[in-house]
Protein backbone atom coordinates (compact mmCIF):
# COMPACT_ATOMS: atom_id res chain seq x y z
CA UNK A 1 124.77 123.09 86.72
CA UNK A 2 125.94 123.54 82.74
CA UNK A 3 126.86 127.37 83.16
CA UNK A 4 128.95 126.36 86.18
CA UNK A 5 131.14 123.70 84.53
CA UNK A 6 131.60 126.47 81.46
CA UNK A 7 132.42 128.83 83.52
CA UNK A 8 135.21 126.37 85.74
CA UNK A 9 136.78 125.67 82.37
CA UNK A 10 136.77 129.54 81.17
CA UNK A 11 138.31 130.59 84.48
CA UNK A 12 140.93 127.65 84.49
CA UNK A 13 141.92 128.36 80.93
CA UNK A 14 141.74 132.24 81.26
CA UNK A 15 144.31 131.76 84.27
CA UNK A 16 146.48 129.92 81.61
CA UNK A 17 146.01 132.20 78.50
CA UNK A 18 147.05 135.39 80.92
CA UNK A 19 150.18 133.68 81.96
CA UNK A 20 151.29 132.51 78.67
CA UNK A 21 151.15 136.22 77.23
CA UNK A 22 153.24 137.31 80.12
CA UNK A 23 155.76 134.68 79.83
CA UNK A 24 155.58 133.82 76.05
CA UNK A 25 155.49 130.27 77.18
CA UNK A 26 153.04 127.37 76.43
CA UNK A 27 151.58 124.62 78.36
CA UNK A 28 153.35 121.44 77.23
CA UNK A 29 151.61 120.01 74.06
CA UNK A 30 150.38 123.22 72.29
CA UNK A 31 153.18 124.09 70.32
CA UNK A 32 154.11 121.40 67.70
CA UNK A 33 158.08 120.09 68.09
CA UNK A 34 158.44 118.77 64.64
CA UNK A 35 159.78 120.20 61.42
CA UNK A 36 157.79 121.79 58.64
CA UNK A 37 156.11 119.50 56.30
CA UNK A 38 158.60 119.02 53.04
CA UNK A 39 156.07 120.98 50.75
CA UNK A 40 155.66 124.04 52.68
CA UNK A 41 157.66 127.01 53.06
CA UNK A 42 159.41 127.27 56.11
CA UNK A 43 157.30 129.91 57.72
CA UNK A 44 153.68 131.34 57.06
CA UNK A 45 154.12 134.39 54.33
CA UNK A 46 151.76 136.27 52.92
CA UNK A 47 151.99 137.86 49.34
CA UNK A 48 152.90 134.33 47.84
CA UNK A 49 152.43 133.77 43.75
CA UNK A 50 148.87 132.24 42.97
CA UNK A 51 149.85 128.62 42.31
CA UNK A 52 146.74 126.29 41.66
CA UNK A 53 148.64 123.58 41.00
CA UNK A 54 150.67 123.89 44.47
CA UNK A 55 151.11 120.70 46.85
CA UNK A 56 151.93 122.83 49.94
CA UNK A 57 150.33 121.87 53.03
CA UNK A 58 150.80 124.81 55.31
CA UNK A 59 147.42 126.09 56.78
CA UNK A 60 146.84 129.47 58.58
CA UNK A 61 144.07 130.68 60.55
CA UNK A 62 144.75 134.00 61.72
CA UNK A 63 141.26 135.67 61.18
CA UNK A 64 137.90 135.56 59.32
CA UNK A 65 139.20 137.10 56.19
CA UNK A 66 142.84 134.98 56.62
CA UNK A 67 142.37 131.39 56.95
CA UNK A 68 142.99 127.90 55.05
CA UNK A 69 141.60 124.61 54.41
CA UNK A 70 142.86 120.94 53.35
CA UNK A 71 141.24 119.70 50.18
CA UNK A 72 142.33 117.51 47.69
CA UNK A 73 144.72 118.59 44.76
CA UNK A 74 142.43 116.99 42.03
CA UNK A 75 138.85 115.70 42.08
CA UNK A 76 138.71 113.15 44.86
CA UNK A 77 136.45 112.19 47.81
CA UNK A 78 138.28 113.33 51.01
CA UNK A 79 138.10 109.73 52.25
CA UNK A 80 140.76 108.85 49.11
CA UNK A 81 142.69 111.86 49.55
CA UNK A 82 143.28 112.49 53.28
CA UNK A 83 146.70 111.64 53.13
CA UNK A 84 147.64 114.15 49.94
CA UNK A 85 145.29 116.81 50.27
CA UNK A 86 146.81 120.13 49.83
CA UNK A 87 146.26 123.70 51.46
CA UNK A 88 143.61 126.25 50.11
CA UNK A 89 143.59 129.80 51.47
CA UNK A 90 141.24 132.80 51.31
CA UNK A 91 144.64 134.95 50.72
CA UNK A 92 147.63 134.72 48.48
CA UNK A 93 149.91 132.98 51.35
CA UNK A 94 152.18 129.95 52.15
CA UNK A 95 152.46 128.94 48.40
CA UNK A 96 149.16 127.37 48.88
CA UNK A 97 146.01 127.37 46.44
CA UNK A 98 143.77 130.37 46.39
CA UNK A 99 140.03 129.79 47.23
CA UNK A 100 138.24 131.38 44.95
CA UNK A 101 135.90 134.20 45.55
CA UNK A 102 132.27 133.03 45.86
CA UNK A 103 133.44 130.00 46.99
CA UNK A 104 132.46 130.68 50.69
CA UNK A 105 128.74 131.40 51.64
CA UNK A 106 128.90 131.99 55.51
CA UNK A 107 132.04 131.76 57.84
CA UNK A 108 131.77 132.21 61.69
CA UNK A 109 135.04 132.60 63.50
CA UNK A 110 135.43 131.96 67.07
CA UNK A 111 137.87 132.85 69.39
CA UNK A 112 138.23 131.36 72.75
CA UNK A 113 140.57 130.57 75.50
CA UNK A 114 141.21 127.10 74.74
CA UNK A 115 140.99 127.29 70.69
CA UNK A 116 139.99 128.96 67.69
CA UNK A 117 137.18 127.57 65.51
CA UNK A 118 136.47 128.41 62.32
CA UNK A 119 133.31 126.93 60.27
CA UNK A 120 131.28 127.48 57.15
CA UNK A 121 129.43 126.63 54.23
CA UNK A 122 129.85 126.80 50.49
CA UNK A 123 130.62 125.37 47.15
CA UNK A 124 133.57 123.00 47.93
CA UNK A 125 133.15 121.30 44.46
CA UNK A 126 135.59 124.47 43.64
CA UNK A 127 137.95 122.78 45.88
CA UNK A 128 137.88 119.47 44.03
CA UNK A 129 135.30 118.07 46.39
CA UNK A 130 132.82 116.01 44.37
CA UNK A 131 129.25 117.13 44.92
CA UNK A 132 127.49 114.75 47.26
CA UNK A 133 130.75 114.00 49.19
CA UNK A 134 129.92 113.91 53.05
CA UNK A 135 133.65 114.13 53.42
CA UNK A 136 136.02 113.18 56.60
CA UNK A 137 137.94 114.31 59.22
CA UNK A 138 141.80 115.30 59.00
CA UNK A 139 144.15 116.04 61.84
CA UNK A 140 148.08 116.04 62.51
CA UNK A 141 148.06 112.16 63.67
CA UNK A 142 146.66 110.05 61.00
CA UNK A 143 146.75 106.28 60.76
CA UNK A 144 150.69 106.18 60.49
CA UNK A 145 151.44 109.03 63.06
CA UNK A 146 152.41 111.17 59.95
CA UNK A 147 149.37 113.40 59.77
CA UNK A 148 146.35 113.56 57.22
CA UNK A 149 147.75 115.11 55.07
CA UNK A 150 150.96 113.68 55.59
CA UNK A 151 153.27 116.80 56.04
CA UNK A 152 150.28 119.64 57.12
CA UNK A 153 150.90 122.16 59.75
CA UNK A 154 148.94 124.87 60.88
CA UNK A 155 149.87 128.19 61.93
CA UNK A 156 148.01 131.21 63.80
CA UNK A 157 148.82 134.65 65.13
CA UNK A 158 146.03 134.58 67.33
CA UNK A 159 148.52 134.73 70.49
CA UNK A 160 150.18 137.72 69.37
CA UNK A 161 153.09 135.76 66.96
CA UNK A 162 152.82 133.16 64.44
CA UNK A 163 153.06 129.85 66.19
CA UNK A 164 153.07 126.36 64.92
CA UNK A 165 150.21 124.59 66.85
CA UNK A 166 150.38 120.79 67.59
CA UNK A 167 146.46 119.95 67.75
CA UNK A 168 144.14 120.74 65.32
CA UNK A 169 140.92 118.91 63.59
CA UNK A 170 139.77 120.17 60.25
CA UNK A 171 135.86 118.40 58.90
CA UNK A 172 135.30 119.11 55.51
CA UNK A 173 132.64 118.01 52.85
CA UNK A 174 131.11 119.23 49.64
CA UNK A 175 129.31 122.03 51.13
CA UNK A 176 130.52 122.64 54.73
CA UNK A 177 133.64 122.62 57.03
CA UNK A 178 134.80 123.05 60.33
CA UNK A 179 138.06 123.76 61.70
CA UNK A 180 139.62 123.73 65.32
CA UNK A 181 143.30 124.83 66.51
CA UNK A 182 144.04 124.25 69.92
CA UNK A 183 145.86 127.03 71.15
CA UNK A 184 145.99 126.56 75.15
CA UNK A 185 146.12 124.01 77.71
CA UNK A 186 146.18 123.26 81.40
CA UNK A 187 146.75 120.25 83.65
CA UNK A 188 142.96 119.26 83.27
CA UNK A 189 142.17 120.07 79.70
CA UNK A 190 145.29 119.52 77.40
CA UNK A 191 145.55 120.68 73.65
CA UNK A 192 145.30 117.06 72.45
CA UNK A 193 141.79 116.40 74.40
CA UNK A 194 140.28 119.79 73.33
CA UNK A 195 141.28 118.66 69.78
CA UNK A 196 140.35 115.12 70.22
CA UNK A 197 140.55 113.74 66.95
CA UNK A 198 138.80 109.94 67.13
CA UNK A 199 135.16 110.81 66.72
CA UNK A 200 135.59 111.37 62.74
CA UNK A 201 131.85 109.75 62.26
CA UNK A 202 130.38 112.34 64.61
CA UNK A 203 130.31 115.29 62.39
CA UNK A 204 130.87 119.01 63.07
CA UNK A 205 128.04 119.77 65.24
CA UNK A 206 129.14 116.84 67.97
CA UNK A 207 132.84 117.65 67.90
CA UNK A 208 132.69 121.44 67.53
CA UNK A 209 129.64 122.65 68.81
CA UNK A 210 128.35 126.19 68.24
CA UNK A 211 125.31 128.18 66.37
CA UNK A 212 125.48 126.67 62.77
CA UNK A 213 122.41 128.68 61.83
CA UNK A 214 124.56 131.72 60.40
CA UNK A 215 124.75 130.45 56.45
CA UNK A 216 125.12 133.94 54.37
CA UNK A 217 126.49 135.52 57.28
CA UNK A 218 130.25 136.11 57.96
CA UNK A 219 130.83 136.73 61.32
CA UNK A 220 133.47 136.93 64.17
CA UNK A 221 132.69 136.40 67.75
CA UNK A 222 134.09 135.55 71.25
CA UNK A 223 132.80 132.29 72.57
CA UNK A 224 132.70 130.29 75.86
CA UNK A 225 135.15 126.74 76.02
CA UNK A 226 133.23 123.87 75.21
CA UNK A 227 134.16 120.55 76.50
CA UNK A 228 136.47 118.32 75.06
CA UNK A 229 134.66 116.45 72.41
CA UNK A 230 133.10 113.57 73.72
CA UNK A 231 133.22 114.33 77.45
CA UNK A 232 130.07 114.50 79.95
CA UNK A 233 130.63 115.87 83.66
CA UNK A 234 129.13 113.65 86.00
CA UNK A 235 130.04 114.58 89.28
CA UNK A 236 131.98 117.27 91.65
CA UNK A 237 134.02 115.60 94.36
CA UNK A 238 136.11 117.95 96.40
CA UNK A 239 136.21 120.68 94.02
CA UNK A 240 137.09 118.24 91.11
CA UNK A 241 135.03 117.56 88.03
CA UNK A 242 134.53 113.82 87.28
CA UNK A 243 133.78 112.83 83.67
CA UNK A 244 132.45 110.22 81.56
CA UNK A 245 133.93 109.86 77.82
CA UNK A 246 132.20 108.61 74.77
CA UNK A 247 134.36 106.58 72.39
CA UNK A 248 133.17 105.89 68.74
CA UNK A 249 132.10 102.25 68.37
CA UNK A 250 133.86 100.29 65.49
CA UNK A 251 134.72 97.16 64.21
CA UNK A 252 137.14 95.66 62.41
CA UNK A 253 140.09 93.55 60.92
CA UNK A 254 143.70 94.74 61.17
CA UNK A 255 146.79 92.88 60.09
CA UNK A 256 144.45 89.76 59.95
CA UNK A 257 143.26 90.53 63.43
CA UNK A 258 139.28 91.16 64.30
CA UNK A 259 138.57 93.81 67.01
CA UNK A 260 135.95 95.92 68.83
CA UNK A 261 136.65 99.50 70.17
CA UNK A 262 133.98 101.88 71.67
CA UNK A 263 130.62 102.51 73.20
CA UNK A 264 127.64 100.64 71.89
CA UNK A 265 125.32 103.26 72.67
CA UNK A 266 126.12 106.83 70.58
CA UNK A 267 124.86 110.07 72.21
CA UNK A 268 122.62 112.45 70.13
CA UNK A 269 124.41 115.64 71.11
CA UNK A 270 127.21 117.16 73.25
CA UNK A 271 127.00 118.14 76.69
CA UNK A 272 126.56 121.93 75.99
CA UNK A 273 126.80 124.15 73.23
CA UNK A 274 128.77 127.38 74.48
CA UNK A 275 127.44 130.84 73.88
CA UNK A 276 129.02 133.54 71.52
CA UNK A 277 129.04 137.12 72.09
CA UNK A 278 130.61 140.64 70.91
CA UNK A 279 129.89 139.50 67.27
CA UNK A 280 131.05 141.43 64.51
CA UNK A 281 129.80 140.99 61.02
CA UNK A 282 131.59 141.56 57.41
CA UNK A 283 129.96 141.73 54.03
CA UNK A 284 132.05 138.54 52.56
CA UNK A 285 135.57 137.02 52.57
CA UNK A 286 137.21 137.61 49.54
CA UNK A 287 140.89 138.13 47.79
CA UNK A 288 139.67 140.35 44.95
CA UNK A 289 141.57 137.89 42.51
CA UNK A 290 139.63 137.03 39.35
CA UNK A 291 141.25 133.61 38.56
CA UNK A 292 139.21 133.74 35.30
CA UNK A 293 141.30 136.69 33.85
CA UNK A 294 144.35 134.64 34.83
CA UNK A 295 142.61 131.58 32.56
CA UNK A 296 141.92 129.56 35.46
CA UNK A 297 138.81 128.14 35.62
CA UNK A 298 136.29 126.84 38.41
CA UNK A 299 133.62 124.87 38.02
CA UNK A 300 131.39 122.27 39.96
CA UNK A 301 132.96 118.70 40.25
CA UNK A 302 131.22 115.67 39.07
CA UNK A 303 129.33 113.60 41.83
CA UNK A 304 131.12 111.59 44.49
CA UNK A 305 131.83 108.28 43.51
CA UNK A 306 133.23 109.61 40.23
CA UNK A 307 136.40 107.76 38.67
CA UNK A 308 139.57 109.72 39.82
CA UNK A 309 142.93 109.46 38.51
CA UNK A 310 146.17 111.26 39.54
CA UNK A 311 147.70 111.97 42.66
CA UNK A 312 146.86 109.19 44.94
CA UNK A 313 149.17 107.57 47.40
CA UNK A 314 149.06 104.02 47.67
CA UNK A 315 148.41 102.90 51.37
CA UNK A 316 147.04 99.52 52.54
CA UNK A 317 143.59 99.26 53.96
CA UNK A 318 141.46 97.81 56.51
CA UNK A 319 137.92 97.56 56.48
CA UNK A 320 135.27 98.05 59.32
CA UNK A 321 131.69 99.55 59.34
CA UNK A 322 131.19 102.09 62.06
CA UNK A 323 128.04 101.82 64.47
CA UNK A 324 125.20 103.93 63.59
CA UNK A 325 126.88 107.48 63.72
CA UNK A 326 127.30 108.46 59.89
CA UNK A 327 125.68 111.36 58.50
CA UNK A 328 123.48 111.10 55.44
CA UNK A 329 122.44 114.88 54.92
CA UNK A 330 123.79 118.22 54.94
CA UNK A 331 123.54 119.71 58.18
CA UNK A 332 125.57 120.61 61.46
CA UNK A 333 126.55 117.10 61.79
CA UNK A 334 127.83 116.80 58.23
CA UNK A 335 131.30 117.34 57.04
CA UNK A 336 131.94 113.57 58.57
CA UNK A 337 132.27 110.26 56.59
CA UNK A 338 129.48 107.89 55.90
CA UNK A 339 128.17 105.21 58.04
CA UNK A 340 129.98 102.39 55.85
CA UNK A 341 133.99 103.66 55.54
CA UNK A 342 137.41 102.50 54.55
CA UNK A 343 139.86 102.84 57.20
CA UNK A 344 143.57 102.70 57.04
CA UNK A 345 145.27 99.82 58.83
CA UNK A 346 146.00 100.55 62.28
CA UNK A 347 148.67 99.01 63.61
CA UNK A 348 148.82 96.62 66.85
CA UNK A 349 150.54 99.45 68.93
CA UNK A 350 147.58 101.73 67.77
CA UNK A 351 145.13 99.38 68.77
CA UNK A 352 146.33 98.26 72.53
CA UNK A 353 146.76 102.49 72.94
CA UNK A 354 143.15 102.70 71.73
CA UNK A 355 141.84 99.73 73.92
CA UNK A 356 143.94 101.28 76.64
CA UNK A 357 142.22 104.45 76.37
CA UNK A 358 138.97 103.11 76.38
CA UNK A 359 139.31 101.29 79.63
CA UNK A 360 141.05 104.42 81.28
CA UNK A 361 138.13 106.71 80.69
CA UNK A 362 135.27 104.35 81.72
């Protein structure tokens, strides 16, 4: 039954991708309609100067040796810096900071008919993430609708030319990351659903399932399409697949009003792990730049929780505790927040929308 459902997703999205390639059009919600962030170049650009103090926030995700990540501009836990993180790239591009050679120890780049997914391992203390920080989730929405980080954009040429994609999600911690950019959609699976961003405590292995046993290897693979994060097929009625969905349980206080959302039972795994094929390995990911010769040093940072000063943006906070879904070790489910986390204020409108979504899907 699992292979049937996966084949149904693949066939549906393949038709959309083929039509898109023939007409150079995209399903609504795939291409970003806003403007480029104020710190970003107007378009993705290769060969820009090395600037390890840049505040550009334009990621490009093209291939295993040409991609970028968001990370803090100075030493900071991800949960404290999500609104103002900056771009770090494997190549000199986008006026971004350069990921130092030797940072990445294993990367897998997956190409599917719905999204591209790059995930990997490394020493991300070199990107200002403190040792032991289990990180968090970044996406183009954020608590205030302007993105985490604010002004962050993502482009890719995976469809044949550079496009600014609307939906993406990145989980990153001190030694692991996973990044998905949703590049296609259809009437059943929207880009927003394929890059569903409200399961921030569940970690990489749940939200972006795949083979995580590749540390030490650098590979590019084709892959089947996963179901949207938290979706579980339950039945097929008249040829239409029905789903149940998981909503992360959370209680907290926003603007002085207590609220509870989500499911009290947390699933242990996604419905399926997509298969990959046609994998091609490369020796490493390198830009060949010796930052030390330029007088730029990269060294391991202090442990998580260290006092940090500098570029933080002051934003009001609301507190709450997630229910038994945090990560406490480096694993495929890491690159997520801890089980107790401070969340930005959620407005009343966002609360009503969230509750409506829970009622609609259950």
